Amino acid sequence: MILGKVVGTVWATRKDEELVGMKFQIVKHLDLDYKLKDTFVVAVDTVQAGVGDVVLMCSGSSARQTTLTKNKPVDAVIMAVVDKIDVAG
């Protein structure tokens, strides 16, 4: 799983039929101090996350394991909105 922050939305009016109804979010990776990294991904949002939300996402074949993305052409998915992170040390 990857920790990230939603920084924007991708609008695609023409897309594969399997993706109709899905919302695409731009997610920048975060470190444990909530600092944005330079890397980002476009992910399907399955939990109604919004811009500014810290989220958990996964990619690869795991991204196709949610109810919404099952067997769909998806490589990244937002699967949780993070409320809090506790880091020891």
N, C-alpha and C. Protein backbone atom coordinates (compact mmCIF):
# COMPACT_ATOMS: atom_id res chain seq x y z
N MET A 1 0.84 -1.18 0.00
CA MET A 1 0.00 0.00 0.00
C MET A 1 0.88 1.24 0.00
N ILE A 2 0.34 2.31 -0.52
CA ILE A 2 1.07 3.56 -0.67
C ILE A 2 0.30 4.67 0.01
N LEU A 3 1.01 5.51 0.74
CA LEU A 3 0.42 6.67 1.38
C LEU A 3 0.50 7.84 0.41
N GLY A 4 -0.60 8.55 0.22
CA GLY A 4 -0.60 9.67 -0.72
C GLY A 4 -1.57 10.75 -0.34
N LYS A 5 -1.54 11.83 -1.11
CA LYS A 5 -2.46 12.95 -0.90
C LYS A 5 -3.10 13.29 -2.24
N VAL A 6 -4.42 13.41 -2.24
CA VAL A 6 -5.14 13.76 -3.46
C VAL A 6 -4.88 15.24 -3.76
N VAL A 7 -4.34 15.51 -4.95
CA VAL A 7 -4.01 16.88 -5.32
C VAL A 7 -4.81 17.39 -6.52
N GLY A 8 -5.59 16.52 -7.13
CA GLY A 8 -6.37 16.95 -8.28
C GLY A 8 -7.22 15.84 -8.84
N THR A 9 -7.97 16.19 -9.87
CA THR A 9 -8.90 15.26 -10.52
C THR A 9 -8.62 15.23 -12.01
N VAL A 10 -8.74 14.06 -12.61
CA VAL A 10 -8.63 13.91 -14.06
C VAL A 10 -10.03 13.71 -14.62
N TRP A 11 -10.40 14.53 -15.58
CA TRP A 11 -11.70 14.41 -16.24
C TRP A 11 -11.49 13.76 -17.59
N ALA A 12 -12.20 12.67 -17.85
CA ALA A 12 -12.10 11.95 -19.12
C ALA A 12 -13.52 11.61 -19.58
N THR A 13 -14.02 12.36 -20.54
CA THR A 13 -15.39 12.11 -21.00
C THR A 13 -15.46 10.93 -21.96
N ARG A 14 -14.35 10.63 -22.62
CA ARG A 14 -14.30 9.45 -23.50
C ARG A 14 -13.31 8.47 -22.89
N LYS A 15 -13.79 7.28 -22.60
CA LYS A 15 -12.93 6.27 -22.00
C LYS A 15 -13.50 4.89 -22.28
N ASP A 16 -12.74 3.88 -21.98
CA ASP A 16 -13.17 2.50 -22.13
C ASP A 16 -14.48 2.29 -21.38
N GLU A 17 -15.37 1.50 -21.95
CA GLU A 17 -16.68 1.24 -21.32
C GLU A 17 -16.55 0.69 -19.91
N GLU A 18 -15.49 -0.05 -19.64
CA GLU A 18 -15.28 -0.63 -18.30
C GLU A 18 -14.99 0.44 -17.25
N LEU A 19 -14.64 1.65 -17.68
CA LEU A 19 -14.27 2.72 -16.75
C LEU A 19 -15.36 3.78 -16.58
N VAL A 20 -16.46 3.63 -17.28
CA VAL A 20 -17.56 4.59 -17.16
C VAL A 20 -18.07 4.62 -15.73
N GLY A 21 -18.23 5.82 -15.19
CA GLY A 21 -18.73 6.00 -13.83
C GLY A 21 -17.64 6.06 -12.78
N MET A 22 -16.39 5.83 -13.17
CA MET A 22 -15.29 5.87 -12.21
C MET A 22 -14.69 7.27 -12.15
N LYS A 23 -14.27 7.68 -10.96
CA LYS A 23 -13.65 8.98 -10.75
C LYS A 23 -12.14 8.78 -10.66
N PHE A 24 -11.39 9.61 -11.38
CA PHE A 24 -9.94 9.52 -11.41
C PHE A 24 -9.33 10.68 -10.62
N GLN A 25 -8.46 10.35 -9.67
CA GLN A 25 -7.81 11.36 -8.83
C GLN A 25 -6.30 11.32 -9.06
N ILE A 26 -5.68 12.50 -9.00
CA ILE A 26 -4.23 12.59 -9.04
C ILE A 26 -3.73 12.52 -7.61
N VAL A 27 -2.89 11.55 -7.32
CA VAL A 27 -2.40 11.32 -5.96
C VAL A 27 -0.88 11.44 -5.94
N LYS A 28 -0.36 12.37 -5.14
CA LYS A 28 1.08 12.49 -4.95
C LYS A 28 1.47 11.65 -3.74
N HIS A 29 2.59 10.98 -3.85
CA HIS A 29 3.08 10.15 -2.75
C HIS A 29 3.51 11.03 -1.58
N LEU A 30 3.35 10.50 -0.36
CA LEU A 30 3.72 11.21 0.87
C LEU A 30 4.77 10.42 1.63
N ASP A 31 5.62 11.15 2.40
CA ASP A 31 6.48 10.45 3.35
C ASP A 31 5.77 10.45 4.70
N LEU A 32 6.40 9.91 5.73
CA LEU A 32 5.75 9.78 7.03
C LEU A 32 5.57 11.10 7.76
N ASP A 33 6.20 12.16 7.28
CA ASP A 33 6.02 13.50 7.85
C ASP A 33 4.99 14.30 7.05
N TYR A 34 4.23 13.61 6.20
CA TYR A 34 3.21 14.22 5.35
C TYR A 34 3.81 15.18 4.32
N LYS A 35 5.08 15.02 3.99
CA LYS A 35 5.71 15.85 2.96
C LYS A 35 5.48 15.19 1.61
N LEU A 36 5.07 16.02 0.64
CA LEU A 36 4.81 15.51 -0.70
C LEU A 36 6.11 15.13 -1.39
N LYS A 37 6.09 14.01 -2.06
CA LYS A 37 7.21 13.58 -2.90
C LYS A 37 6.94 14.06 -4.33
N ASP A 38 7.90 13.91 -5.21
CA ASP A 38 7.73 14.34 -6.60
C ASP A 38 6.90 13.36 -7.42
N THR A 39 6.75 12.14 -6.93
CA THR A 39 6.06 11.12 -7.71
C THR A 39 4.55 11.19 -7.50
N PHE A 40 3.82 10.80 -8.53
CA PHE A 40 2.36 10.81 -8.45
C PHE A 40 1.80 9.68 -9.31
N VAL A 41 0.51 9.43 -9.12
CA VAL A 41 -0.19 8.43 -9.92
C VAL A 41 -1.63 8.90 -10.09
N VAL A 42 -2.25 8.47 -11.16
CA VAL A 42 -3.69 8.68 -11.34
C VAL A 42 -4.36 7.39 -10.88
N ALA A 43 -5.28 7.52 -9.93
CA ALA A 43 -5.91 6.35 -9.32
C ALA A 43 -7.42 6.45 -9.37
N VAL A 44 -8.08 5.32 -9.51
CA VAL A 44 -9.53 5.26 -9.43
C VAL A 44 -9.91 5.42 -7.95
N ASP A 45 -10.87 6.30 -7.70
CA ASP A 45 -11.32 6.58 -6.33
C ASP A 45 -12.54 5.73 -6.01
N THR A 46 -12.40 4.82 -5.05
CA THR A 46 -13.52 3.96 -4.66
C THR A 46 -14.16 4.39 -3.34
N VAL A 47 -13.65 5.47 -2.72
CA VAL A 47 -14.12 5.86 -1.39
C VAL A 47 -14.54 7.33 -1.30
N GLN A 48 -14.78 7.97 -2.43
CA GLN A 48 -15.18 9.38 -2.48
C GLN A 48 -14.19 10.30 -1.76
N ALA A 49 -12.91 10.09 -1.99
CA ALA A 49 -11.88 10.98 -1.45
C ALA A 49 -11.95 12.31 -2.19
N GLY A 50 -11.49 13.35 -1.53
CA GLY A 50 -11.49 14.66 -2.15
C GLY A 50 -10.10 15.26 -2.17
N VAL A 51 -9.96 16.34 -2.93
CA VAL A 51 -8.68 17.03 -2.99
C VAL A 51 -8.29 17.45 -1.58
N GLY A 52 -7.05 17.15 -1.19
CA GLY A 52 -6.55 17.45 0.14
C GLY A 52 -6.58 16.27 1.08
N ASP A 53 -7.33 15.22 0.75
CA ASP A 53 -7.40 14.04 1.62
C ASP A 53 -6.12 13.22 1.54
N VAL A 54 -5.68 12.71 2.68
CA VAL A 54 -4.59 11.73 2.74
C VAL A 54 -5.25 10.36 2.55
N VAL A 55 -4.68 9.56 1.67
CA VAL A 55 -5.31 8.30 1.30
C VAL A 55 -4.31 7.15 1.27
N LEU A 56 -4.86 5.94 1.31
CA LEU A 56 -4.09 4.73 1.04
C LEU A 56 -4.50 4.24 -0.33
N MET A 57 -3.52 3.86 -1.10
CA MET A 57 -3.83 3.32 -2.41
C MET A 57 -2.92 2.14 -2.68
N CYS A 58 -3.29 1.36 -3.67
CA CYS A 58 -2.45 0.26 -4.10
C CYS A 58 -2.42 0.26 -5.62
N SER A 59 -1.47 -0.48 -6.16
CA SER A 59 -1.33 -0.51 -7.61
C SER A 59 -1.07 -1.94 -8.07
N GLY A 60 -1.03 -2.10 -9.36
CA GLY A 60 -0.82 -3.42 -9.94
C GLY A 60 -2.07 -4.28 -9.83
N SER A 61 -1.87 -5.58 -9.77
CA SER A 61 -3.02 -6.50 -9.74
C SER A 61 -3.88 -6.29 -8.51
N SER A 62 -3.31 -5.80 -7.41
CA SER A 62 -4.10 -5.52 -6.20
C SER A 62 -5.15 -4.45 -6.44
N ALA A 63 -4.90 -3.55 -7.38
CA ALA A 63 -5.85 -2.48 -7.68
C ALA A 63 -7.14 -3.01 -8.29
N ARG A 64 -7.10 -4.23 -8.77
CA ARG A 64 -8.29 -4.82 -9.38
C ARG A 64 -9.03 -5.75 -8.43
N GLN A 65 -8.86 -5.54 -7.13
CA GLN A 65 -9.49 -6.41 -6.13
C GLN A 65 -10.64 -5.75 -5.39
N THR A 66 -10.93 -4.47 -5.64
CA THR A 66 -12.06 -3.83 -4.96
C THR A 66 -13.35 -4.17 -5.70
N THR A 67 -14.46 -3.94 -5.06
CA THR A 67 -15.75 -4.22 -5.68
C THR A 67 -15.92 -3.44 -6.98
N LEU A 68 -15.54 -2.17 -6.97
CA LEU A 68 -15.71 -1.31 -8.15
C LEU A 68 -14.75 -1.66 -9.28
N THR A 69 -13.53 -2.09 -8.94
CA THR A 69 -12.51 -2.28 -9.96
C THR A 69 -12.27 -3.73 -10.36
N LYS A 70 -13.04 -4.64 -9.83
CA LYS A 70 -12.86 -6.08 -10.09
C LYS A 70 -12.81 -6.34 -11.60
N ASN A 71 -11.69 -6.90 -12.06
CA ASN A 71 -11.49 -7.29 -13.46
C ASN A 71 -11.60 -6.12 -14.43
N LYS A 72 -11.30 -4.91 -13.98
CA LYS A 72 -11.32 -3.72 -14.84
C LYS A 72 -9.89 -3.34 -15.22
N PRO A 73 -9.71 -2.56 -16.30
CA PRO A 73 -8.37 -2.15 -16.71
C PRO A 73 -7.84 -1.00 -15.84
N VAL A 74 -7.53 -1.31 -14.59
CA VAL A 74 -7.12 -0.32 -13.59
C VAL A 74 -5.77 -0.73 -13.02
N ASP A 75 -4.88 0.25 -12.85
CA ASP A 75 -3.55 -0.05 -12.29
C ASP A 75 -3.32 0.60 -10.93
N ALA A 76 -4.19 1.52 -10.52
CA ALA A 76 -4.05 2.15 -9.20
C ALA A 76 -5.45 2.47 -8.67
N VAL A 77 -5.62 2.28 -7.35
CA VAL A 77 -6.93 2.52 -6.75
C VAL A 77 -6.76 3.14 -5.36
N ILE A 78 -7.61 4.11 -5.07
CA ILE A 78 -7.69 4.66 -3.71
C ILE A 78 -8.69 3.80 -2.97
N MET A 79 -8.25 3.22 -1.83
CA MET A 79 -9.11 2.28 -1.13
C MET A 79 -9.40 2.69 0.30
N ALA A 80 -8.83 3.82 0.78
CA ALA A 80 -9.10 4.29 2.14
C ALA A 80 -8.71 5.75 2.27
N VAL A 81 -9.47 6.47 3.08
CA VAL A 81 -9.11 7.83 3.49
C VAL A 81 -8.50 7.70 4.88
N VAL A 82 -7.30 8.25 5.06
CA VAL A 82 -6.56 8.11 6.32
C VAL A 82 -7.01 9.17 7.30
N ASP A 83 -7.33 8.74 8.52
CA ASP A 83 -7.69 9.66 9.59
C ASP A 83 -6.48 10.09 10.41
N LYS A 84 -5.57 9.14 10.62
CA LYS A 84 -4.44 9.42 11.51
C LYS A 84 -3.34 8.40 11.25
N ILE A 85 -2.10 8.83 11.44
CA ILE A 85 -0.95 7.93 11.35
C ILE A 85 -0.16 8.05 12.65
N ASP A 86 0.14 6.92 13.28
CA ASP A 86 1.00 6.90 14.46
C ASP A 86 2.31 6.21 14.06
N VAL A 87 3.42 6.93 14.26
CA VAL A 87 4.73 6.38 13.94
C VAL A 87 5.56 6.35 15.20
N ALA A 88 6.05 5.19 15.58
CA ALA A 88 6.89 5.07 16.78
C ALA A 88 8.28 5.63 16.51
N GLY A 89 8.87 6.23 17.53
CA GLY A 89 10.23 6.71 17.40
C GLY A 89 10.27 8.13 17.07
